[in-house]
Amino acid sequence: MVMKRRTAHALFGVVAFVFTGMLLQQALKLQHAKAVNQAMALASTQGLQAASHAASSSDISDPHALPEARLTRAHVLSLSGQHDAAIKLYSRLLQDDSPSGLRLVALYNLANVYLRQGMAGAPGDSVAALELAKQRYRELLRTAPQEWDARYNLERALRLAPENEAAFADENVPVEQRRVRMRGMKAGDLP
């Protein structure tokens, strides 16, 4: 009888210890989620303020900020029309050791910024922006081929700036050495 009580008490202690650990883990996750939400809200308001005051790039990104907050700030800047600042933030997110999900979102949003620039820009500028958009969409699709939105946008970019079929006909030439002709660009325009 005493042995059964000790076993029952030990079992109860182990179960209580496990549930306490799980409770602490959930509390830490909740605290982290609250911190991320606050950082994103702050980044959103700072992004709006930066858009209205045309802040410099040093005001735009804090390298110590949470990646989610930097992603939010870049998105707000791109929506407000400050594409150059948004491109810088998205590019930094791609270079940092951000979580892979955030990197995919940053890559998709960066490609969208380039696509918007290509659709709205002058003929010479739009071709370069569309080529960058196509490059980013392809990079995203190599990592996550299930992204149908990126496939659709790549199709739009390809319709706006079709590629030279003959440049890709020779399979023996490495991709890095293939020549791509862009409408509106001459052979010596780019370094």
N, C-alpha and C. Protein backbone atom coordinates (compact mmCIF):
# COMPACT_ATOMS: atom_id res chain seq x y z
N MET A 1 0.83 -1.20 0.00
CA MET A 1 0.00 0.00 0.00
C MET A 1 0.87 1.26 0.00
N VAL A 2 1.94 1.28 0.80
CA VAL A 2 2.83 2.44 0.85
C VAL A 2 3.58 2.56 -0.48
N MET A 3 3.93 1.43 -1.04
CA MET A 3 4.63 1.44 -2.32
C MET A 3 3.75 2.02 -3.42
N LYS A 4 2.46 1.69 -3.40
CA LYS A 4 1.55 2.22 -4.40
C LYS A 4 1.42 3.73 -4.26
N ARG A 5 1.40 4.23 -3.02
CA ARG A 5 1.30 5.68 -2.81
C ARG A 5 2.55 6.38 -3.31
N ARG A 6 3.71 5.82 -3.01
CA ARG A 6 4.96 6.44 -3.48
C ARG A 6 5.00 6.46 -5.01
N THR A 7 4.60 5.39 -5.61
CA THR A 7 4.58 5.33 -7.06
C THR A 7 3.60 6.35 -7.62
N ALA A 8 2.42 6.43 -7.00
CA ALA A 8 1.42 7.39 -7.46
C ALA A 8 1.92 8.82 -7.28
N HIS A 9 2.55 9.11 -6.14
CA HIS A 9 3.08 10.46 -5.90
C HIS A 9 4.23 10.78 -6.85
N ALA A 10 5.08 9.81 -7.11
CA ALA A 10 6.20 10.03 -8.04
C ALA A 10 5.66 10.26 -9.45
N LEU A 11 4.68 9.47 -9.85
CA LEU A 11 4.08 9.64 -11.17
C LEU A 11 3.41 11.01 -11.28
N PHE A 12 2.69 11.41 -10.23
CA PHE A 12 2.05 12.72 -10.22
C PHE A 12 3.11 13.83 -10.29
N GLY A 13 4.21 13.68 -9.59
CA GLY A 13 5.29 14.67 -9.62
C GLY A 13 5.90 14.80 -11.00
N VAL A 14 6.12 13.67 -11.66
CA VAL A 14 6.68 13.71 -13.01
C VAL A 14 5.72 14.39 -13.97
N VAL A 15 4.43 14.04 -13.89
CA VAL A 15 3.43 14.64 -14.77
C VAL A 15 3.33 16.14 -14.51
N ALA A 16 3.34 16.54 -13.23
CA ALA A 16 3.28 17.96 -12.89
C ALA A 16 4.51 18.69 -13.41
N PHE A 17 5.68 18.07 -13.30
CA PHE A 17 6.91 18.68 -13.78
C PHE A 17 6.86 18.86 -15.30
N VAL A 18 6.38 17.86 -16.02
CA VAL A 18 6.28 17.95 -17.48
C VAL A 18 5.31 19.06 -17.88
N PHE A 19 4.15 19.11 -17.24
CA PHE A 19 3.18 20.14 -17.58
C PHE A 19 3.68 21.53 -17.22
N THR A 20 4.43 21.66 -16.15
CA THR A 20 5.01 22.95 -15.78
C THR A 20 6.02 23.39 -16.83
N GLY A 21 6.82 22.46 -17.30
CA GLY A 21 7.77 22.78 -18.37
C GLY A 21 7.07 23.22 -19.64
N MET A 22 5.99 22.51 -19.99
CA MET A 22 5.23 22.88 -21.18
C MET A 22 4.60 24.26 -21.01
N LEU A 23 4.10 24.54 -19.82
CA LEU A 23 3.50 25.85 -19.54
C LEU A 23 4.54 26.96 -19.66
N LEU A 24 5.74 26.73 -19.14
CA LEU A 24 6.80 27.74 -19.26
C LEU A 24 7.21 27.95 -20.72
N GLN A 25 7.27 26.86 -21.46
CA GLN A 25 7.61 26.98 -22.87
C GLN A 25 6.57 27.80 -23.62
N GLN A 26 5.30 27.55 -23.36
CA GLN A 26 4.24 28.32 -24.01
C GLN A 26 4.26 29.78 -23.57
N ALA A 27 4.59 30.03 -22.31
CA ALA A 27 4.69 31.41 -21.83
C ALA A 27 5.81 32.15 -22.54
N LEU A 28 6.94 31.47 -22.76
CA LEU A 28 8.05 32.10 -23.48
C LEU A 28 7.68 32.38 -24.93
N LYS A 29 6.98 31.45 -25.56
CA LYS A 29 6.54 31.67 -26.94
C LYS A 29 5.57 32.84 -27.01
N LEU A 30 4.67 32.94 -26.05
CA LEU A 30 3.72 34.06 -26.02
C LEU A 30 4.45 35.38 -25.82
N GLN A 31 5.44 35.38 -24.94
CA GLN A 31 6.21 36.60 -24.70
C GLN A 31 6.97 37.00 -25.96
N HIS A 32 7.54 36.03 -26.66
CA HIS A 32 8.25 36.34 -27.91
C HIS A 32 7.27 36.86 -28.96
N ALA A 33 6.10 36.26 -29.06
CA ALA A 33 5.11 36.71 -30.04
C ALA A 33 4.67 38.15 -29.75
N LYS A 34 4.50 38.47 -28.46
CA LYS A 34 4.14 39.84 -28.10
C LYS A 34 5.25 40.82 -28.49
N ALA A 35 6.50 40.43 -28.25
CA ALA A 35 7.62 41.29 -28.61
C ALA A 35 7.69 41.49 -30.12
N VAL A 36 7.45 40.43 -30.88
CA VAL A 36 7.46 40.55 -32.34
C VAL A 36 6.33 41.46 -32.80
N ASN A 37 5.15 41.29 -32.24
CA ASN A 37 4.01 42.14 -32.62
C ASN A 37 4.28 43.60 -32.30
N GLN A 38 4.86 43.87 -31.14
CA GLN A 38 5.18 45.25 -30.79
C GLN A 38 6.22 45.83 -31.74
N ALA A 39 7.23 45.03 -32.06
CA ALA A 39 8.28 45.50 -32.97
C ALA A 39 7.71 45.76 -34.37
N MET A 40 6.80 44.90 -34.80
CA MET A 40 6.19 45.09 -36.12
C MET A 40 5.30 46.33 -36.13
N ALA A 41 4.57 46.57 -35.06
CA ALA A 41 3.72 47.77 -34.98
C ALA A 41 4.59 49.02 -34.98
N LEU A 42 5.68 48.99 -34.24
CA LEU A 42 6.60 50.12 -34.20
C LEU A 42 7.24 50.34 -35.56
N ALA A 43 7.65 49.25 -36.22
CA ALA A 43 8.26 49.37 -37.55
C ALA A 43 7.27 49.92 -38.56
N SER A 44 6.01 49.53 -38.43
CA SER A 44 4.99 50.03 -39.33
C SER A 44 4.80 51.53 -39.17
N THR A 45 4.70 51.99 -37.93
CA THR A 45 4.52 53.42 -37.71
C THR A 45 5.78 54.19 -38.10
N GLN A 46 6.96 53.63 -37.82
CA GLN A 46 8.19 54.31 -38.23
C GLN A 46 8.32 54.33 -39.74
N GLY A 47 7.86 53.25 -40.39
CA GLY A 47 7.89 53.23 -41.85
C GLY A 47 6.98 54.28 -42.44
N LEU A 48 5.81 54.48 -41.83
CA LEU A 48 4.90 55.52 -42.29
C LEU A 48 5.50 56.90 -42.05
N GLN A 49 6.14 57.08 -40.90
CA GLN A 49 6.78 58.37 -40.62
C GLN A 49 7.94 58.61 -41.58
N ALA A 50 8.70 57.56 -41.86
CA ALA A 50 9.82 57.71 -42.79
C ALA A 50 9.30 58.03 -44.18
N ALA A 51 8.18 57.44 -44.54
CA ALA A 51 7.61 57.71 -45.86
C ALA A 51 7.13 59.16 -45.95
N SER A 52 6.58 59.67 -44.87
CA SER A 52 6.07 61.03 -44.91
C SER A 52 7.18 62.06 -44.78
N HIS A 53 8.27 61.71 -44.12
CA HIS A 53 9.38 62.65 -43.94
C HIS A 53 10.54 62.39 -44.89
N ALA A 54 10.46 61.38 -45.72
CA ALA A 54 11.54 60.99 -46.64
C ALA A 54 12.85 60.85 -45.90
N ALA A 55 12.87 59.93 -44.93
CA ALA A 55 14.04 59.74 -44.08
C ALA A 55 15.20 59.14 -44.86
N SER A 56 16.37 59.32 -44.30
CA SER A 56 17.56 58.75 -44.94
C SER A 56 17.63 57.25 -44.66
N SER A 57 18.50 56.57 -45.38
CA SER A 57 18.58 55.11 -45.24
C SER A 57 19.09 54.71 -43.87
N SER A 58 19.85 55.58 -43.16
CA SER A 58 20.32 55.22 -41.83
C SER A 58 19.16 55.19 -40.84
N ASP A 59 18.11 55.98 -41.09
CA ASP A 59 16.95 55.97 -40.22
C ASP A 59 16.04 54.78 -40.49
N ILE A 60 16.19 54.18 -41.65
CA ILE A 60 15.23 53.20 -42.10
C ILE A 60 15.45 51.83 -41.48
N SER A 61 16.69 51.40 -41.31
CA SER A 61 16.89 50.04 -40.83
C SER A 61 17.78 50.02 -39.60
N ASP A 62 17.37 49.22 -38.65
CA ASP A 62 18.15 48.98 -37.46
C ASP A 62 18.63 47.54 -37.55
N PRO A 63 19.96 47.31 -37.63
CA PRO A 63 20.43 45.94 -37.80
C PRO A 63 20.12 45.05 -36.61
N HIS A 64 19.82 45.65 -35.46
CA HIS A 64 19.50 44.87 -34.27
C HIS A 64 18.01 44.61 -34.11
N ALA A 65 17.20 45.17 -35.00
CA ALA A 65 15.76 44.96 -34.92
C ALA A 65 15.42 43.54 -35.33
N LEU A 66 14.27 43.10 -34.89
CA LEU A 66 13.81 41.76 -35.26
C LEU A 66 13.59 41.69 -36.77
N PRO A 67 13.89 40.55 -37.38
CA PRO A 67 13.69 40.44 -38.83
C PRO A 67 12.25 40.70 -39.25
N GLU A 68 11.30 40.31 -38.42
CA GLU A 68 9.89 40.55 -38.73
C GLU A 68 9.60 42.04 -38.81
N ALA A 69 10.22 42.80 -37.90
CA ALA A 69 10.02 44.25 -37.90
C ALA A 69 10.64 44.89 -39.13
N ARG A 70 11.83 44.42 -39.53
CA ARG A 70 12.46 44.96 -40.73
C ARG A 70 11.65 44.61 -41.98
N LEU A 71 11.07 43.41 -42.00
CA LEU A 71 10.22 43.03 -43.12
C LEU A 71 8.99 43.92 -43.19
N THR A 72 8.38 44.19 -42.06
CA THR A 72 7.20 45.07 -42.01
C THR A 72 7.56 46.47 -42.48
N ARG A 73 8.69 46.97 -42.01
CA ARG A 73 9.10 48.32 -42.40
C ARG A 73 9.36 48.39 -43.90
N ALA A 74 10.00 47.38 -44.45
CA ALA A 74 10.27 47.36 -45.89
C ALA A 74 8.96 47.32 -46.68
N HIS A 75 8.01 46.55 -46.20
CA HIS A 75 6.72 46.46 -46.89
C HIS A 75 5.99 47.81 -46.87
N VAL A 76 6.01 48.48 -45.73
CA VAL A 76 5.35 49.79 -45.63
C VAL A 76 6.04 50.79 -46.55
N LEU A 77 7.36 50.74 -46.60
CA LEU A 77 8.08 51.66 -47.48
C LEU A 77 7.78 51.39 -48.95
N SER A 78 7.68 50.11 -49.31
CA SER A 78 7.39 49.81 -50.72
C SER A 78 5.97 50.23 -51.09
N LEU A 79 5.04 50.09 -50.16
CA LEU A 79 3.67 50.53 -50.44
C LEU A 79 3.57 52.04 -50.56
N SER A 80 4.44 52.75 -49.83
CA SER A 80 4.39 54.21 -49.87
C SER A 80 5.17 54.79 -51.05
N GLY A 81 5.81 53.92 -51.84
CA GLY A 81 6.50 54.40 -53.03
C GLY A 81 7.99 54.61 -52.85
N GLN A 82 8.53 54.34 -51.68
CA GLN A 82 9.97 54.48 -51.47
C GLN A 82 10.64 53.15 -51.80
N HIS A 83 10.72 52.88 -53.08
CA HIS A 83 11.20 51.58 -53.54
C HIS A 83 12.67 51.35 -53.23
N ASP A 84 13.49 52.38 -53.35
CA ASP A 84 14.93 52.19 -53.10
C ASP A 84 15.20 51.79 -51.65
N ALA A 85 14.54 52.45 -50.72
CA ALA A 85 14.72 52.10 -49.31
C ALA A 85 14.20 50.69 -49.02
N ALA A 86 13.08 50.35 -49.64
CA ALA A 86 12.51 49.01 -49.44
C ALA A 86 13.43 47.94 -50.03
N ILE A 87 14.01 48.22 -51.18
CA ILE A 87 14.94 47.27 -51.81
C ILE A 87 16.15 47.04 -50.92
N LYS A 88 16.66 48.10 -50.31
CA LYS A 88 17.80 47.94 -49.40
C LYS A 88 17.44 47.06 -48.21
N LEU A 89 16.27 47.29 -47.64
CA LEU A 89 15.87 46.48 -46.48
C LEU A 89 15.64 45.03 -46.87
N TYR A 90 14.96 44.80 -47.98
CA TYR A 90 14.73 43.42 -48.42
C TYR A 90 16.05 42.73 -48.71
N SER A 91 16.98 43.44 -49.33
CA SER A 91 18.28 42.84 -49.65
C SER A 91 19.05 42.49 -48.38
N ARG A 92 18.97 43.34 -47.37
CA ARG A 92 19.63 43.03 -46.10
C ARG A 92 19.00 41.82 -45.43
N LEU A 93 17.69 41.71 -45.54
CA LEU A 93 17.02 40.53 -44.97
C LEU A 93 17.48 39.25 -45.67
N LEU A 94 17.73 39.34 -46.95
CA LEU A 94 18.20 38.16 -47.69
C LEU A 94 19.63 37.81 -47.32
N GLN A 95 20.43 38.80 -46.94
CA GLN A 95 21.82 38.55 -46.57
C GLN A 95 21.96 38.09 -45.13
N ASP A 96 21.05 38.52 -44.27
CA ASP A 96 21.12 38.15 -42.85
C ASP A 96 20.74 36.70 -42.66
N ASP A 97 20.90 36.25 -41.44
CA ASP A 97 20.51 34.88 -41.10
C ASP A 97 19.08 34.86 -40.58
N SER A 98 18.18 35.42 -41.38
CA SER A 98 16.76 35.44 -41.03
C SER A 98 16.18 34.04 -41.19
N PRO A 99 15.07 33.76 -40.51
CA PRO A 99 14.42 32.46 -40.72
C PRO A 99 14.04 32.27 -42.18
N SER A 100 14.03 31.04 -42.63
CA SER A 100 13.83 30.77 -44.06
C SER A 100 12.47 31.26 -44.56
N GLY A 101 11.44 31.19 -43.72
CA GLY A 101 10.13 31.70 -44.13
C GLY A 101 10.16 33.19 -44.40
N LEU A 102 10.86 33.93 -43.56
CA LEU A 102 10.97 35.38 -43.76
C LEU A 102 11.82 35.69 -44.99
N ARG A 103 12.83 34.89 -45.23
CA ARG A 103 13.66 35.09 -46.41
C ARG A 103 12.84 34.91 -47.68
N LEU A 104 11.96 33.91 -47.69
CA LEU A 104 11.12 33.69 -48.87
C LEU A 104 10.15 34.85 -49.08
N VAL A 105 9.57 35.35 -48.00
CA VAL A 105 8.66 36.49 -48.11
C VAL A 105 9.42 37.72 -48.59
N ALA A 106 10.62 37.93 -48.05
CA ALA A 106 11.42 39.08 -48.47
C ALA A 106 11.81 38.97 -49.94
N LEU A 107 12.15 37.78 -50.37
CA LEU A 107 12.52 37.56 -51.78
C LEU A 107 11.33 37.81 -52.70
N TYR A 108 10.16 37.33 -52.31
CA TYR A 108 8.95 37.54 -53.10
C TYR A 108 8.60 39.03 -53.16
N ASN A 109 8.66 39.70 -52.01
CA ASN A 109 8.33 41.13 -51.99
C ASN A 109 9.34 41.96 -52.77
N LEU A 110 10.61 41.56 -52.70
CA LEU A 110 11.64 42.26 -53.48
C LEU A 110 11.38 42.11 -54.97
N ALA A 111 11.04 40.92 -55.39
CA ALA A 111 10.71 40.71 -56.81
C ALA A 111 9.49 41.52 -57.21
N ASN A 112 8.52 41.63 -56.31
CA ASN A 112 7.33 42.43 -56.61
C ASN A 112 7.67 43.91 -56.75
N VAL A 113 8.58 44.40 -55.92
CA VAL A 113 8.99 45.81 -56.04
C VAL A 113 9.63 46.04 -57.40
N TYR A 114 10.52 45.13 -57.80
CA TYR A 114 11.14 45.26 -59.11
C TYR A 114 10.10 45.18 -60.23
N LEU A 115 9.13 44.30 -60.10
CA LEU A 115 8.08 44.18 -61.11
C LEU A 115 7.28 45.47 -61.20
N ARG A 116 6.92 46.06 -60.06
CA ARG A 116 6.18 47.32 -60.07
C ARG A 116 7.00 48.43 -60.72
N GLN A 117 8.30 48.48 -60.41
CA GLN A 117 9.16 49.47 -61.03
C GLN A 117 9.23 49.27 -62.53
N GLY A 118 9.32 48.01 -62.95
CA GLY A 118 9.40 47.71 -64.38
C GLY A 118 8.13 48.07 -65.11
N MET A 119 7.00 47.90 -64.45
CA MET A 119 5.72 48.21 -65.09
C MET A 119 5.48 49.71 -65.16
N ALA A 120 6.06 50.47 -64.23
CA ALA A 120 5.79 51.90 -64.17
C ALA A 120 6.90 52.77 -64.74
N GLY A 121 8.07 52.19 -64.98
CA GLY A 121 9.23 52.99 -65.35
C GLY A 121 9.31 53.31 -66.83
N ALA A 122 10.35 54.08 -67.16
CA ALA A 122 10.66 54.40 -68.55
C ALA A 122 11.17 53.14 -69.24
N PRO A 123 11.08 53.07 -70.57
CA PRO A 123 11.45 51.84 -71.28
C PRO A 123 12.85 51.31 -70.94
N GLY A 124 13.86 52.14 -70.86
CA GLY A 124 15.21 51.67 -70.54
C GLY A 124 15.32 51.16 -69.12
N ASP A 125 14.71 51.88 -68.19
CA ASP A 125 14.76 51.49 -66.79
C ASP A 125 13.88 50.28 -66.50
N SER A 126 12.77 50.19 -67.21
CA SER A 126 11.83 49.12 -66.91
C SER A 126 12.39 47.75 -67.29
N VAL A 127 13.18 47.70 -68.34
CA VAL A 127 13.75 46.41 -68.77
C VAL A 127 14.69 45.88 -67.70
N ALA A 128 15.54 46.74 -67.17
CA ALA A 128 16.47 46.30 -66.12
C ALA A 128 15.70 45.85 -64.87
N ALA A 129 14.68 46.59 -64.49
CA ALA A 129 13.89 46.21 -63.31
C ALA A 129 13.15 44.90 -63.55
N LEU A 130 12.63 44.71 -64.74
CA LEU A 130 11.93 43.46 -65.05
C LEU A 130 12.89 42.27 -65.05
N GLU A 131 14.11 42.48 -65.54
CA GLU A 131 15.10 41.40 -65.51
C GLU A 131 15.45 41.04 -64.06
N LEU A 132 15.57 42.04 -63.20
CA LEU A 132 15.83 41.76 -61.78
C LEU A 132 14.65 41.04 -61.15
N ALA A 133 13.45 41.43 -61.52
CA ALA A 133 12.26 40.76 -60.98
C ALA A 133 12.25 39.29 -61.41
N LYS A 134 12.53 39.04 -62.68
CA LYS A 134 12.54 37.65 -63.17
C LYS A 134 13.60 36.83 -62.44
N GLN A 135 14.76 37.44 -62.21
CA GLN A 135 15.83 36.75 -61.51
C GLN A 135 15.41 36.38 -60.09
N ARG A 136 14.77 37.31 -59.39
CA ARG A 136 14.33 37.05 -58.01
C ARG A 136 13.21 36.01 -57.96
N TYR A 137 12.28 36.07 -58.90
CA TYR A 137 11.21 35.07 -58.93
C TYR A 137 11.78 33.68 -59.18
N ARG A 138 12.75 33.59 -60.07
CA ARG A 138 13.36 32.28 -60.35
C ARG A 138 14.12 31.76 -59.13
N GLU A 139 14.80 32.66 -58.46
CA GLU A 139 15.51 32.27 -57.24
C GLU A 139 14.54 31.74 -56.19
N LEU A 140 13.42 32.41 -56.05
CA LEU A 140 12.39 31.96 -55.11
C LEU A 140 11.82 30.61 -55.52
N LEU A 141 11.55 30.44 -56.81
CA LEU A 141 10.96 29.19 -57.28
C LEU A 141 11.93 28.02 -57.20
N ARG A 142 13.23 28.29 -57.25
CA ARG A 142 14.19 27.21 -57.02
C ARG A 142 14.12 26.71 -55.59
N THR A 143 13.89 27.63 -54.66
CA THR A 143 13.80 27.26 -53.25
C THR A 143 12.43 26.70 -52.90
N ALA A 144 11.38 27.32 -53.39
CA ALA A 144 10.01 26.93 -53.06
C ALA A 144 9.19 26.84 -54.34
N PRO A 145 9.24 25.71 -55.04
CA PRO A 145 8.54 25.60 -56.32
C PRO A 145 7.02 25.61 -56.20
N GLN A 146 6.48 25.50 -55.02
CA GLN A 146 5.03 25.47 -54.83
C GLN A 146 4.42 26.88 -54.77
N GLU A 147 5.21 27.91 -54.88
CA GLU A 147 4.72 29.29 -54.78
C GLU A 147 4.07 29.72 -56.09
N TRP A 148 2.77 29.56 -56.17
CA TRP A 148 2.05 29.86 -57.41
C TRP A 148 1.96 31.35 -57.69
N ASP A 149 1.94 32.17 -56.66
CA ASP A 149 1.92 33.61 -56.88
C ASP A 149 3.20 34.07 -57.58
N ALA A 150 4.32 33.50 -57.17
CA ALA A 150 5.59 33.84 -57.80
C ALA A 150 5.61 33.35 -59.25
N ARG A 151 5.03 32.18 -59.50
CA ARG A 151 4.96 31.68 -60.88
C ARG A 151 4.14 32.62 -61.76
N TYR A 152 3.01 33.07 -61.22
CA TYR A 152 2.15 33.98 -61.98
C TYR A 152 2.87 35.29 -62.27
N ASN A 153 3.54 35.84 -61.27
CA ASN A 153 4.24 37.11 -61.46
C ASN A 153 5.43 36.95 -62.39
N LEU A 154 6.10 35.80 -62.34
CA LEU A 154 7.18 35.55 -63.29
C LEU A 154 6.62 35.51 -64.72
N GLU A 155 5.47 34.90 -64.88
CA GLU A 155 4.82 34.87 -66.20
C GLU A 155 4.51 36.30 -66.68
N ARG A 156 4.03 37.13 -65.78
CA ARG A 156 3.75 38.53 -66.15
C ARG A 156 5.02 39.25 -66.58
N ALA A 157 6.09 39.04 -65.80
CA ALA A 157 7.37 39.68 -66.14
C ALA A 157 7.91 39.18 -67.47
N LEU A 158 7.73 37.88 -67.73
CA LEU A 158 8.19 37.33 -69.01
C LEU A 158 7.37 37.87 -70.18
N ARG A 159 6.11 38.14 -69.97
CA ARG A 159 5.30 38.72 -71.05
C ARG A 159 5.67 40.18 -71.30
N LEU A 160 6.04 40.89 -70.22
CA LEU A 160 6.44 42.29 -70.38
C LEU A 160 7.83 42.42 -70.99
N ALA A 161 8.72 41.49 -70.68
CA ALA A 161 10.08 41.52 -71.21
C ALA A 161 10.47 40.11 -71.63
N PRO A 162 10.05 39.71 -72.82
CA PRO A 162 10.38 38.35 -73.28
C PRO A 162 11.89 38.18 -73.43
N GLU A 163 12.32 36.95 -73.26
CA GLU A 163 13.74 36.66 -73.36
C GLU A 163 14.07 36.14 -74.74
N ASN A 164 15.30 36.30 -75.12
CA ASN A 164 15.79 35.85 -76.41
C ASN A 164 15.94 34.33 -76.36
N GLU A 165 15.16 33.64 -77.17
CA GLU A 165 15.17 32.17 -77.17
C GLU A 165 16.51 31.62 -77.65
N ALA A 166 17.16 32.29 -78.59
CA ALA A 166 18.41 31.78 -79.14
C ALA A 166 19.53 31.79 -78.10
N ALA A 167 19.45 32.70 -77.13
CA ALA A 167 20.49 32.78 -76.10
C ALA A 167 20.48 31.54 -75.22
N PHE A 168 19.35 30.88 -75.12
CA PHE A 168 19.25 29.72 -74.25
C PHE A 168 19.23 28.41 -75.03
N ALA A 169 19.42 28.49 -76.34
CA ALA A 169 19.32 27.29 -77.16
C ALA A 169 20.51 26.36 -76.98
N ASP A 170 21.70 26.90 -76.78
CA ASP A 170 22.90 26.08 -76.66
C ASP A 170 23.03 25.59 -75.21
N GLU A 171 22.78 24.34 -75.00
CA GLU A 171 22.83 23.74 -73.66
C GLU A 171 24.25 23.56 -73.15
N ASN A 172 25.25 23.60 -74.05
CA ASN A 172 26.64 23.36 -73.65
C ASN A 172 27.27 24.57 -72.99
N VAL A 173 26.72 25.74 -73.21
CA VAL A 173 27.26 26.97 -72.64
C VAL A 173 26.74 27.11 -71.21
N PRO A 174 27.62 27.34 -70.23
CA PRO A 174 27.15 27.53 -68.85
C PRO A 174 26.24 28.76 -68.74
N VAL A 175 25.36 28.73 -67.80
CA VAL A 175 24.38 29.80 -67.63
C VAL A 175 25.07 31.15 -67.43
N GLU A 176 26.17 31.16 -66.70
CA GLU A 176 26.86 32.42 -66.41
C GLU A 176 27.45 33.07 -67.65
N GLN A 177 27.70 32.27 -68.70
CA GLN A 177 28.34 32.81 -69.90
C GLN A 177 27.35 33.08 -71.03
N ARG A 178 26.10 32.80 -70.83
CA ARG A 178 25.11 33.04 -71.88
C ARG A 178 24.82 34.52 -72.00
N ARG A 179 24.56 34.95 -73.21
CA ARG A 179 24.25 36.35 -73.46
C ARG A 179 22.75 36.53 -73.50
N VAL A 180 22.29 37.53 -72.81
CA VAL A 180 20.87 37.86 -72.79
C VAL A 180 20.73 39.26 -73.37
N ARG A 181 19.85 39.41 -74.33
CA ARG A 181 19.59 40.72 -74.91
C ARG A 181 18.33 41.29 -74.28
N MET A 182 18.44 42.54 -73.89
CA MET A 182 17.29 43.21 -73.30
C MET A 182 16.87 44.34 -74.22
N ARG A 183 15.56 44.46 -74.38
CA ARG A 183 15.06 45.55 -75.21
C ARG A 183 15.43 46.88 -74.57
N GLY A 184 15.85 47.82 -75.37
CA GLY A 184 16.18 49.16 -74.88
C GLY A 184 17.59 49.28 -74.35
N MET A 185 18.37 48.20 -74.35
CA MET A 185 19.74 48.24 -73.84
C MET A 185 20.69 47.91 -75.01
N LYS A 186 21.83 48.58 -75.00
CA LYS A 186 22.86 48.30 -76.00
C LYS A 186 23.94 47.43 -75.37
N ALA A 187 24.82 46.88 -76.19
CA ALA A 187 25.81 45.92 -75.73
C ALA A 187 26.75 46.51 -74.67
N GLY A 188 27.08 47.79 -74.72
CA GLY A 188 28.02 48.38 -73.78
C GLY A 188 27.39 49.17 -72.66
N ASP A 189 26.07 49.10 -72.48
CA ASP A 189 25.41 49.92 -71.46
C ASP A 189 25.77 49.48 -70.05
N LEU A 190 25.90 48.21 -69.84
CA LEU A 190 26.19 47.71 -68.50
C LEU A 190 27.66 47.29 -68.42
N PRO A 191 28.27 47.41 -67.24
CA PRO A 191 29.68 47.01 -67.12
C PRO A 191 29.85 45.52 -67.23
